[in-house]
Amino acid sequence: MTADPTGLNPGTYTGKVTIASATTNETLQVPVTMSVSAIQQSILLSQTGLTFTAVANGGVVPRQTFGVLNTGSHELDRGCDYFLGRKLAGG
């Protein structure tokens, strides 16, 4: 998933990302929020993405982490809302 703020006015935008099971056709909607600022900000992530692979009835999928470094000249809001770990029924 990528988010491109090009052409958006400063403000807060909300939406949903739908995650679908390829085997059960079940879906899970994850709420997402993107804040667009008029102040130039910059971050550096420790990796470009996360991949989770699981087997039905195979146990808990190990959690993964990533680092965020502020490389800009202004303080970044460290607030973070997340909605992960909810398992699709039957998965």
PDB file of N, CA and C in Angstrom:
ATOM      1  N   MET A   1       0.837  -1.144   0.000  1.00  0.00           N
ATOM      2  CA  MET A   1       0.000   0.000   0.000  1.00  0.00           C
ATOM      3  C   MET A   1       0.896   1.224   0.000  1.00  0.00           C
ATOM      4  N   THR A   2       0.543   2.213  -0.790  1.00  0.00           N
ATOM      5  CA  THR A   2       1.255   3.486  -0.783  1.00  0.00           C
ATOM      6  C   THR A   2       0.237   4.605  -0.668  1.00  0.00           C
ATOM      7  N   ALA A   3       0.701   5.738  -0.194  1.00  0.00           N
ATOM      8  CA  ALA A   3      -0.154   6.920  -0.092  1.00  0.00           C
ATOM      9  C   ALA A   3       0.594   8.089  -0.720  1.00  0.00           C
ATOM     10  N   ASP A   4      -0.039   8.785  -1.620  1.00  0.00           N
ATOM     11  CA  ASP A   4       0.584   9.910  -2.318  1.00  0.00           C
ATOM     12  C   ASP A   4      -0.219  11.172  -2.030  1.00  0.00           C
ATOM     13  N   PRO A   5       0.362  12.117  -1.268  1.00  0.00           N
ATOM     14  CA  PRO A   5      -0.381  13.333  -0.919  1.00  0.00           C
ATOM     15  C   PRO A   5      -0.364  14.408  -2.012  1.00  0.00           C
ATOM     16  N   THR A   6       0.228  14.108  -3.158  1.00  0.00           N
ATOM     17  CA  THR A   6       0.308  15.088  -4.238  1.00  0.00           C
ATOM     18  C   THR A   6      -1.077  15.630  -4.574  1.00  0.00           C
ATOM     19  N   GLY A   7      -1.203  16.946  -4.587  1.00  0.00           N
ATOM     20  CA  GLY A   7      -2.458  17.586  -4.962  1.00  0.00           C
ATOM     21  C   GLY A   7      -3.459  17.734  -3.822  1.00  0.00           C
ATOM     22  N   LEU A   8      -3.151  17.199  -2.635  1.00  0.00           N
ATOM     23  CA  LEU A   8      -4.065  17.327  -1.493  1.00  0.00           C
ATOM     24  C   LEU A   8      -3.748  18.579  -0.697  1.00  0.00           C
ATOM     25  N   ASN A   9      -4.765  19.251  -0.242  1.00  0.00           N
ATOM     26  CA  ASN A   9      -4.582  20.399   0.633  1.00  0.00           C
ATOM     27  C   ASN A   9      -4.215  19.904   2.031  1.00  0.00           C
ATOM     28  N   PRO A  10      -3.532  20.746   2.843  1.00  0.00           N
ATOM     29  CA  PRO A  10      -3.245  20.345   4.219  1.00  0.00           C
ATOM     30  C   PRO A  10      -4.528  19.964   4.950  1.00  0.00           C
ATOM     31  N   GLY A  11      -4.452  18.912   5.739  1.00  0.00           N
ATOM     32  CA  GLY A  11      -5.618  18.441   6.486  1.00  0.00           C
ATOM     33  C   GLY A  11      -5.481  16.974   6.818  1.00  0.00           C
ATOM     34  N   THR A  12      -6.520  16.412   7.384  1.00  0.00           N
ATOM     35  CA  THR A  12      -6.538  15.003   7.766  1.00  0.00           C
ATOM     36  C   THR A  12      -7.517  14.261   6.869  1.00  0.00           C
ATOM     37  N   TYR A  13      -7.063  13.166   6.319  1.00  0.00           N
ATOM     38  CA  TYR A  13      -7.863  12.360   5.410  1.00  0.00           C
ATOM     39  C   TYR A  13      -8.002  10.955   6.000  1.00  0.00           C
ATOM     40  N   THR A  14      -9.186  10.396   5.899  1.00  0.00           N
ATOM     41  CA  THR A  14      -9.410   9.057   6.423  1.00  0.00           C
ATOM     42  C   THR A  14      -9.935   8.153   5.323  1.00  0.00           C
ATOM     43  N   GLY A  15      -9.730   6.873   5.509  1.00  0.00           N
ATOM     44  CA  GLY A  15     -10.207   5.898   4.534  1.00  0.00           C
ATOM     45  C   GLY A  15     -10.117   4.512   5.135  1.00  0.00           C
ATOM     46  N   LYS A  16     -10.251   3.510   4.302  1.00  0.00           N
ATOM     47  CA  LYS A  16     -10.174   2.125   4.749  1.00  0.00           C
ATOM     48  C   LYS A  16      -9.360   1.327   3.749  1.00  0.00           C
ATOM     49  N   VAL A  17      -8.592   0.384   4.275  1.00  0.00           N
ATOM     50  CA  VAL A  17      -7.868  -0.580   3.449  1.00  0.00           C
ATOM     51  C   VAL A  17      -8.551  -1.913   3.671  1.00  0.00           C
ATOM     52  N   THR A  18      -8.887  -2.588   2.601  1.00  0.00           N
ATOM     53  CA  THR A  18      -9.537  -3.889   2.708  1.00  0.00           C
ATOM     54  C   THR A  18      -8.516  -4.991   2.496  1.00  0.00           C
ATOM     55  N   ILE A  19      -8.452  -5.903   3.465  1.00  0.00           N
ATOM     56  CA  ILE A  19      -7.571  -7.066   3.379  1.00  0.00           C
ATOM     57  C   ILE A  19      -8.468  -8.268   3.118  1.00  0.00           C
ATOM     58  N   ALA A  20      -8.134  -9.043   2.090  1.00  0.00           N
ATOM     59  CA  ALA A  20      -8.981 -10.174   1.703  1.00  0.00           C
ATOM     60  C   ALA A  20      -8.218 -11.482   1.794  1.00  0.00           C
ATOM     61  N   SER A  21      -8.906 -12.514   2.245  1.00  0.00           N
ATOM     62  CA  SER A  21      -8.339 -13.857   2.282  1.00  0.00           C
ATOM     63  C   SER A  21      -8.511 -14.490   0.909  1.00  0.00           C
ATOM     64  N   ALA A  22      -7.431 -15.020   0.375  1.00  0.00           N
ATOM     65  CA  ALA A  22      -7.486 -15.664  -0.933  1.00  0.00           C
ATOM     66  C   ALA A  22      -8.184 -17.020  -0.873  1.00  0.00           C
ATOM     67  N   THR A  23      -8.264 -17.616   0.317  1.00  0.00           N
ATOM     68  CA  THR A  23      -8.852 -18.947   0.422  1.00  0.00           C
ATOM     69  C   THR A  23     -10.295 -18.948   0.911  1.00  0.00           C
ATOM     70  N   THR A  24     -10.665 -17.977   1.754  1.00  0.00           N
ATOM     71  CA  THR A  24     -12.025 -17.980   2.309  1.00  0.00           C
ATOM     72  C   THR A  24     -12.894 -16.859   1.751  1.00  0.00           C
ATOM     73  N   ASN A  25     -12.300 -15.963   0.998  1.00  0.00           N
ATOM     74  CA  ASN A  25     -12.979 -14.787   0.448  1.00  0.00           C
ATOM     75  C   ASN A  25     -13.512 -13.845   1.525  1.00  0.00           C
ATOM     76  N   GLU A  26     -13.067 -14.023   2.768  1.00  0.00           N
ATOM     77  CA  GLU A  26     -13.451 -13.095   3.831  1.00  0.00           C
ATOM     78  C   GLU A  26     -12.611 -11.832   3.726  1.00  0.00           C
ATOM     79  N   THR A  27     -13.155 -10.728   4.214  1.00  0.00           N
ATOM     80  CA  THR A  27     -12.428  -9.470   4.173  1.00  0.00           C
ATOM     81  C   THR A  27     -12.407  -8.826   5.556  1.00  0.00           C
ATOM     82  N   LEU A  28     -11.417  -7.978   5.750  1.00  0.00           N
ATOM     83  CA  LEU A  28     -11.264  -7.193   6.966  1.00  0.00           C
ATOM     84  C   LEU A  28     -10.935  -5.781   6.537  1.00  0.00           C
ATOM     85  N   GLN A  29     -11.695  -4.799   7.021  1.00  0.00           N
ATOM     86  CA  GLN A  29     -11.417  -3.412   6.689  1.00  0.00           C
ATOM     87  C   GLN A  29     -10.631  -2.771   7.822  1.00  0.00           C
ATOM     88  N   VAL A  30      -9.488  -2.171   7.468  1.00  0.00           N
ATOM     89  CA  VAL A  30      -8.617  -1.519   8.425  1.00  0.00           C
ATOM     90  C   VAL A  30      -8.724  -0.013   8.211  1.00  0.00           C
ATOM     91  N   PRO A  31      -9.111   0.745   9.239  1.00  0.00           N
ATOM     92  CA  PRO A  31      -9.178   2.195   9.073  1.00  0.00           C
ATOM     93  C   PRO A  31      -7.779   2.796   8.976  1.00  0.00           C
ATOM     94  N   VAL A  32      -7.606   3.760   8.088  1.00  0.00           N
ATOM     95  CA  VAL A  32      -6.326   4.451   7.926  1.00  0.00           C
ATOM     96  C   VAL A  32      -6.554   5.952   7.981  1.00  0.00           C
ATOM     97  N   THR A  33      -5.552   6.667   8.451  1.00  0.00           N
ATOM     98  CA  THR A  33      -5.599   8.121   8.527  1.00  0.00           C
ATOM     99  C   THR A  33      -4.302   8.673   7.955  1.00  0.00           C
ATOM    100  N   MET A  34      -4.402   9.694   7.116  1.00  0.00           N
ATOM    101  CA  MET A  34      -3.225  10.376   6.587  1.00  0.00           C
ATOM    102  C   MET A  34      -3.374  11.860   6.869  1.00  0.00           C
ATOM    103  N   SER A  35      -2.344  12.438   7.469  1.00  0.00           N
ATOM    104  CA  SER A  35      -2.329  13.870   7.735  1.00  0.00           C
ATOM    105  C   SER A  35      -1.381  14.536   6.755  1.00  0.00           C
ATOM    106  N   VAL A  36      -1.865  15.564   6.089  1.00  0.00           N
ATOM    107  CA  VAL A  36      -1.054  16.320   5.140  1.00  0.00           C
ATOM    108  C   VAL A  36      -0.760  17.666   5.776  1.00  0.00           C
ATOM    109  N   SER A  37       0.526  18.013   5.848  1.00  0.00           N
ATOM    110  CA  SER A  37       0.956  19.249   6.497  1.00  0.00           C
ATOM    111  C   SER A  37       1.527  20.215   5.464  1.00  0.00           C
ATOM    112  N   ALA A  38       1.385  21.506   5.741  1.00  0.00           N
ATOM    113  CA  ALA A  38       1.985  22.518   4.875  1.00  0.00           C
ATOM    114  C   ALA A  38       3.478  22.637   5.153  1.00  0.00           C
ATOM    115  N   ILE A  39       3.939  22.125   6.294  1.00  0.00           N
ATOM    116  CA  ILE A  39       5.354  22.165   6.669  1.00  0.00           C
ATOM    117  C   ILE A  39       6.053  20.965   6.047  1.00  0.00           C
ATOM    118  N   GLN A  40       7.186  21.215   5.408  1.00  0.00           N
ATOM    119  CA  GLN A  40       7.956  20.134   4.799  1.00  0.00           C
ATOM    120  C   GLN A  40       8.469  19.208   5.897  1.00  0.00           C
ATOM    121  N   GLN A  41       8.084  17.945   5.857  1.00  0.00           N
ATOM    122  CA  GLN A  41       8.529  16.952   6.825  1.00  0.00           C
ATOM    123  C   GLN A  41       9.146  15.791   6.081  1.00  0.00           C
ATOM    124  N   SER A  42      10.018  15.064   6.768  1.00  0.00           N
ATOM    125  CA  SER A  42      10.688  13.946   6.123  1.00  0.00           C
ATOM    126  C   SER A  42      10.973  12.861   7.155  1.00  0.00           C
ATOM    127  N   ILE A  43      10.699  11.609   6.784  1.00  0.00           N
ATOM    128  CA  ILE A  43      11.024  10.474   7.647  1.00  0.00           C
ATOM    129  C   ILE A  43      11.788   9.438   6.845  1.00  0.00           C
ATOM    130  N   LEU A  44      12.534   8.610   7.550  1.00  0.00           N
ATOM    131  CA  LEU A  44      13.253   7.502   6.941  1.00  0.00           C
ATOM    132  C   LEU A  44      12.797   6.232   7.632  1.00  0.00           C
ATOM    133  N   LEU A  45      12.324   5.262   6.864  1.00  0.00           N
ATOM    134  CA  LEU A  45      11.868   3.988   7.411  1.00  0.00           C
ATOM    135  C   LEU A  45      12.973   2.954   7.287  1.00  0.00           C
ATOM    136  N   SER A  46      13.041   2.031   8.257  1.00  0.00           N
ATOM    137  CA  SER A  46      14.094   1.021   8.255  1.00  0.00           C
ATOM    138  C   SER A  46      13.915  -0.030   7.163  1.00  0.00           C
ATOM    139  N   GLN A  47      12.738  -0.115   6.588  1.00  0.00           N
ATOM    140  CA  GLN A  47      12.480  -1.057   5.497  1.00  0.00           C
ATOM    141  C   GLN A  47      11.302  -0.561   4.672  1.00  0.00           C
ATOM    142  N   THR A  48      11.128  -1.145   3.500  1.00  0.00           N
ATOM    143  CA  THR A  48      10.099  -0.644   2.588  1.00  0.00           C
ATOM    144  C   THR A  48       8.747  -1.309   2.762  1.00  0.00           C
ATOM    145  N   GLY A  49       8.660  -2.375   3.549  1.00  0.00           N
ATOM    146  CA  GLY A  49       7.371  -3.032   3.740  1.00  0.00           C
ATOM    147  C   GLY A  49       7.482  -4.209   4.682  1.00  0.00           C
ATOM    148  N   LEU A  50       6.336  -4.770   5.024  1.00  0.00           N
ATOM    149  CA  LEU A  50       6.257  -5.953   5.864  1.00  0.00           C
ATOM    150  C   LEU A  50       5.465  -7.015   5.119  1.00  0.00           C
ATOM    151  N   THR A  51       5.869  -8.265   5.237  1.00  0.00           N
ATOM    152  CA  THR A  51       5.150  -9.370   4.622  1.00  0.00           C
ATOM    153  C   THR A  51       4.799 -10.377   5.698  1.00  0.00           C
ATOM    154  N   PHE A  52       3.529 -10.726   5.787  1.00  0.00           N
ATOM    155  CA  PHE A  52       3.068 -11.705   6.750  1.00  0.00           C
ATOM    156  C   PHE A  52       2.551 -12.923   5.993  1.00  0.00           C
ATOM    157  N   THR A  53       3.062 -14.091   6.334  1.00  0.00           N
ATOM    158  CA  THR A  53       2.616 -15.330   5.722  1.00  0.00           C
ATOM    159  C   THR A  53       2.162 -16.264   6.840  1.00  0.00           C
ATOM    160  N   ALA A  54       0.988 -16.851   6.676  1.00  0.00           N
ATOM    161  CA  ALA A  54       0.451 -17.739   7.703  1.00  0.00           C
ATOM    162  C   ALA A  54      -0.157 -18.976   7.059  1.00  0.00           C
ATOM    163  N   VAL A  55      -0.192 -20.041   7.831  1.00  0.00           N
ATOM    164  CA  VAL A  55      -0.807 -21.292   7.409  1.00  0.00           C
ATOM    165  C   VAL A  55      -2.017 -21.525   8.304  1.00  0.00           C
ATOM    166  N   ALA A  56      -3.142 -21.913   7.722  1.00  0.00           N
ATOM    167  CA  ALA A  56      -4.344 -22.189   8.505  1.00  0.00           C
ATOM    168  C   ALA A  56      -4.025 -23.187   9.611  1.00  0.00           C
ATOM    169  N   ASN A  57      -4.444 -22.872  10.831  1.00  0.00           N
ATOM    170  CA  ASN A  57      -4.203 -23.698  12.020  1.00  0.00           C
ATOM    171  C   ASN A  57      -2.718 -23.913  12.293  1.00  0.00           C
ATOM    172  N   GLY A  58      -1.884 -22.995  11.796  1.00  0.00           N
ATOM    173  CA  GLY A  58      -0.437 -23.135  11.952  1.00  0.00           C
ATOM    174  C   GLY A  58       0.148 -22.383  13.119  1.00  0.00           C
ATOM    175  N   GLY A  59      -0.675 -21.770  13.941  1.00  0.00           N
ATOM    176  CA  GLY A  59      -0.152 -21.054  15.091  1.00  0.00           C
ATOM    177  C   GLY A  59      -0.045 -19.566  14.838  1.00  0.00           C
ATOM    178  N   VAL A  60       0.550 -18.902  15.796  1.00  0.00           N
ATOM    179  CA  VAL A  60       0.662 -17.444  15.765  1.00  0.00           C
ATOM    180  C   VAL A  60       1.756 -17.022  14.791  1.00  0.00           C
ATOM    181  N   VAL A  61       1.461 -16.033  13.982  1.00  0.00           N
ATOM    182  CA  VAL A  61       2.446 -15.467  13.065  1.00  0.00           C
ATOM    183  C   VAL A  61       3.321 -14.508  13.870  1.00  0.00           C
ATOM    184  N   PRO A  62       4.652 -14.662  13.805  1.00  0.00           N
ATOM    185  CA  PRO A  62       5.518 -13.767  14.578  1.00  0.00           C
ATOM    186  C   PRO A  62       5.304 -12.310  14.190  1.00  0.00           C
ATOM    187  N   ARG A  63       5.357 -11.436  15.189  1.00  0.00           N
ATOM    188  CA  ARG A  63       5.173 -10.016  14.900  1.00  0.00           C
ATOM    189  C   ARG A  63       6.428  -9.469  14.237  1.00  0.00           C
ATOM    190  N   GLN A  64       6.256  -8.349  13.558  1.00  0.00           N
ATOM    191  CA  GLN A  64       7.354  -7.680  12.879  1.00  0.00           C
ATOM    192  C   GLN A  64       7.358  -6.219  13.296  1.00  0.00           C
ATOM    193  N   THR A  65       8.508  -5.594  13.212  1.00  0.00           N
ATOM    194  CA  THR A  65       8.628  -4.188  13.581  1.00  0.00           C
ATOM    195  C   THR A  65       9.355  -3.433  12.476  1.00  0.00           C
ATOM    196  N   PHE A  66       9.267  -2.115  12.544  1.00  0.00           N
ATOM    197  CA  PHE A  66      10.061  -1.275  11.661  1.00  0.00           C
ATOM    198  C   PHE A  66      10.406   0.008  12.408  1.00  0.00           C
ATOM    199  N   GLY A  67      11.485   0.640  12.002  1.00  0.00           N
ATOM    200  CA  GLY A  67      11.941   1.860  12.643  1.00  0.00           C
ATOM    201  C   GLY A  67      11.568   3.088  11.832  1.00  0.00           C
ATOM    202  N   VAL A  68      11.355   4.199  12.540  1.00  0.00           N
ATOM    203  CA  VAL A  68      11.030   5.475  11.908  1.00  0.00           C
ATOM    204  C   VAL A  68      12.014   6.522  12.433  1.00  0.00           C
ATOM    205  N   LEU A  69      12.713   7.214  11.534  1.00  0.00           N
ATOM    206  CA  LEU A  69      13.679   8.245  11.893  1.00  0.00           C
ATOM    207  C   LEU A  69      13.243   9.568  11.286  1.00  0.00           C
ATOM    208  N   ASN A  70      13.171  10.611  12.101  1.00  0.00           N
ATOM    209  CA  ASN A  70      12.827  11.946  11.623  1.00  0.00           C
ATOM    210  C   ASN A  70      14.069  12.558  10.982  1.00  0.00           C
ATOM    211  N   THR A  71      14.071  12.690   9.659  1.00  0.00           N
ATOM    212  CA  THR A  71      15.200  13.295   8.950  1.00  0.00           C
ATOM    213  C   THR A  71      14.880  14.721   8.507  1.00  0.00           C
ATOM    214  N   GLY A  72      13.725  15.220   8.913  1.00  0.00           N
ATOM    215  CA  GLY A  72      13.317  16.575   8.562  1.00  0.00           C
ATOM    216  C   GLY A  72      13.793  17.595   9.579  1.00  0.00           C
ATOM    217  N   SER A  73      13.383  18.834   9.378  1.00  0.00           N
ATOM    218  CA  SER A  73      13.821  19.915  10.253  1.00  0.00           C
ATOM    219  C   SER A  73      12.752  20.322  11.270  1.00  0.00           C
ATOM    220  N   HIS A  74      11.626  19.647  11.290  1.00  0.00           N
ATOM    221  CA  HIS A  74      10.548  19.963  12.225  1.00  0.00           C
ATOM    222  C   HIS A  74      10.190  18.728  13.037  1.00  0.00           C
ATOM    223  N   GLU A  75       9.619  18.952  14.223  1.00  0.00           N
ATOM    224  CA  GLU A  75       9.180  17.846  15.066  1.00  0.00           C
ATOM    225  C   GLU A  75       7.977  17.163  14.427  1.00  0.00           C
ATOM    226  N   LEU A  76       7.982  15.848  14.478  1.00  0.00           N
ATOM    227  CA  LEU A  76       6.862  15.078  13.942  1.00  0.00           C
ATOM    228  C   LEU A  76       5.965  14.633  15.080  1.00  0.00           C
ATOM    229  N   ASP A  77       4.673  14.570  14.820  1.00  0.00           N
ATOM    230  CA  ASP A  77       3.713  14.045  15.787  1.00  0.00           C
ATOM    231  C   ASP A  77       3.964  12.554  15.904  1.00  0.00           C
ATOM    232  N   ARG A  78       4.211  12.075  17.115  1.00  0.00           N
ATOM    233  CA  ARG A  78       4.534  10.665  17.303  1.00  0.00           C
ATOM    234  C   ARG A  78       3.304   9.810  17.543  1.00  0.00           C
ATOM    235  N   GLY A  79       2.120  10.384  17.430  1.00  0.00           N
ATOM    236  CA  GLY A  79       0.910   9.603  17.623  1.00  0.00           C
ATOM    237  C   GLY A  79       0.758   8.565  16.524  1.00  0.00           C
ATOM    238  N   CYS A  80       0.301   7.401  16.897  1.00  0.00           N
ATOM    239  CA  CYS A  80       0.137   6.333  15.910  1.00  0.00           C
ATOM    240  C   CYS A  80      -1.037   5.469  16.319  1.00  0.00           C
ATOM    241  N   ASP A  81      -2.015   5.362  15.460  1.00  0.00           N
ATOM    242  CA  ASP A  81      -3.129   4.452  15.689  1.00  0.00           C
ATOM    243  C   ASP A  81      -2.934   3.260  14.772  1.00  0.00           C
ATOM    244  N   TYR A  82      -3.147   2.086  15.295  1.00  0.00           N
ATOM    245  CA  TYR A  82      -3.017   0.900  14.461  1.00  0.00           C
ATOM    246  C   TYR A  82      -4.122  -0.085  14.774  1.00  0.00           C
ATOM    247  N   PHE A  83      -4.388  -0.920  13.811  1.00  0.00           N
ATOM    248  CA  PHE A  83      -5.440  -1.919  13.924  1.00  0.00           C
ATOM    249  C   PHE A  83      -4.936  -3.166  13.227  1.00  0.00           C
ATOM    250  N   LEU A  84      -4.070  -3.890  13.920  1.00  0.00           N
ATOM    251  CA  LEU A  84      -3.493  -5.100  13.347  1.00  0.00           C
ATOM    252  C   LEU A  84      -3.674  -6.238  14.330  1.00  0.00           C
ATOM    253  N   GLY A  85      -3.529  -7.429  13.863  1.00  0.00           N
ATOM    254  CA  GLY A  85      -3.586  -8.589  14.729  1.00  0.00           C
ATOM    255  C   GLY A  85      -4.956  -9.243  14.790  1.00  0.00           C
ATOM    256  N   ARG A  86      -5.991  -8.619  14.253  1.00  0.00           N
ATOM    257  CA  ARG A  86      -7.308  -9.252  14.234  1.00  0.00           C
ATOM    258  C   ARG A  86      -7.310 -10.307  13.143  1.00  0.00           C
ATOM    259  N   LYS A  87      -7.589 -11.514  13.509  1.00  0.00           N
ATOM    260  CA  LYS A  87      -7.517 -12.642  12.580  1.00  0.00           C
ATOM    261  C   LYS A  87      -8.835 -12.778  11.811  1.00  0.00           C
ATOM    262  N   LEU A  88      -8.745 -13.069  10.520  1.00  0.00           N
ATOM    263  CA  LEU A  88      -9.935 -13.358   9.740  1.00  0.00           C
ATOM    264  C   LEU A  88     -10.539 -14.670  10.231  1.00  0.00           C
ATOM    265  N   ALA A  89     -11.833 -14.735  10.333  1.00  0.00           N
ATOM    266  CA  ALA A  89     -12.499 -15.965  10.791  1.00  0.00           C
ATOM    267  C   ALA A  89     -12.128 -17.109   9.868  1.00  0.00           C
ATOM    268  N   GLY A  90     -11.820 -18.244  10.451  1.00  0.00           N
ATOM    269  CA  GLY A  90     -11.466 -19.421   9.658  1.00  0.00           C
ATOM    270  C   GLY A  90     -10.051 -19.413   9.151  1.00  0.00           C
ATOM    271  N   GLY A  91      -9.256 -18.351   9.497  1.00  0.00           N
ATOM    272  CA  GLY A  91      -7.890 -18.253   8.964  1.00  0.00           C
ATOM    273  C   GLY A  91      -6.823 -18.607   9.919  1.00  0.00           C
TER     274      GLY A  91
END
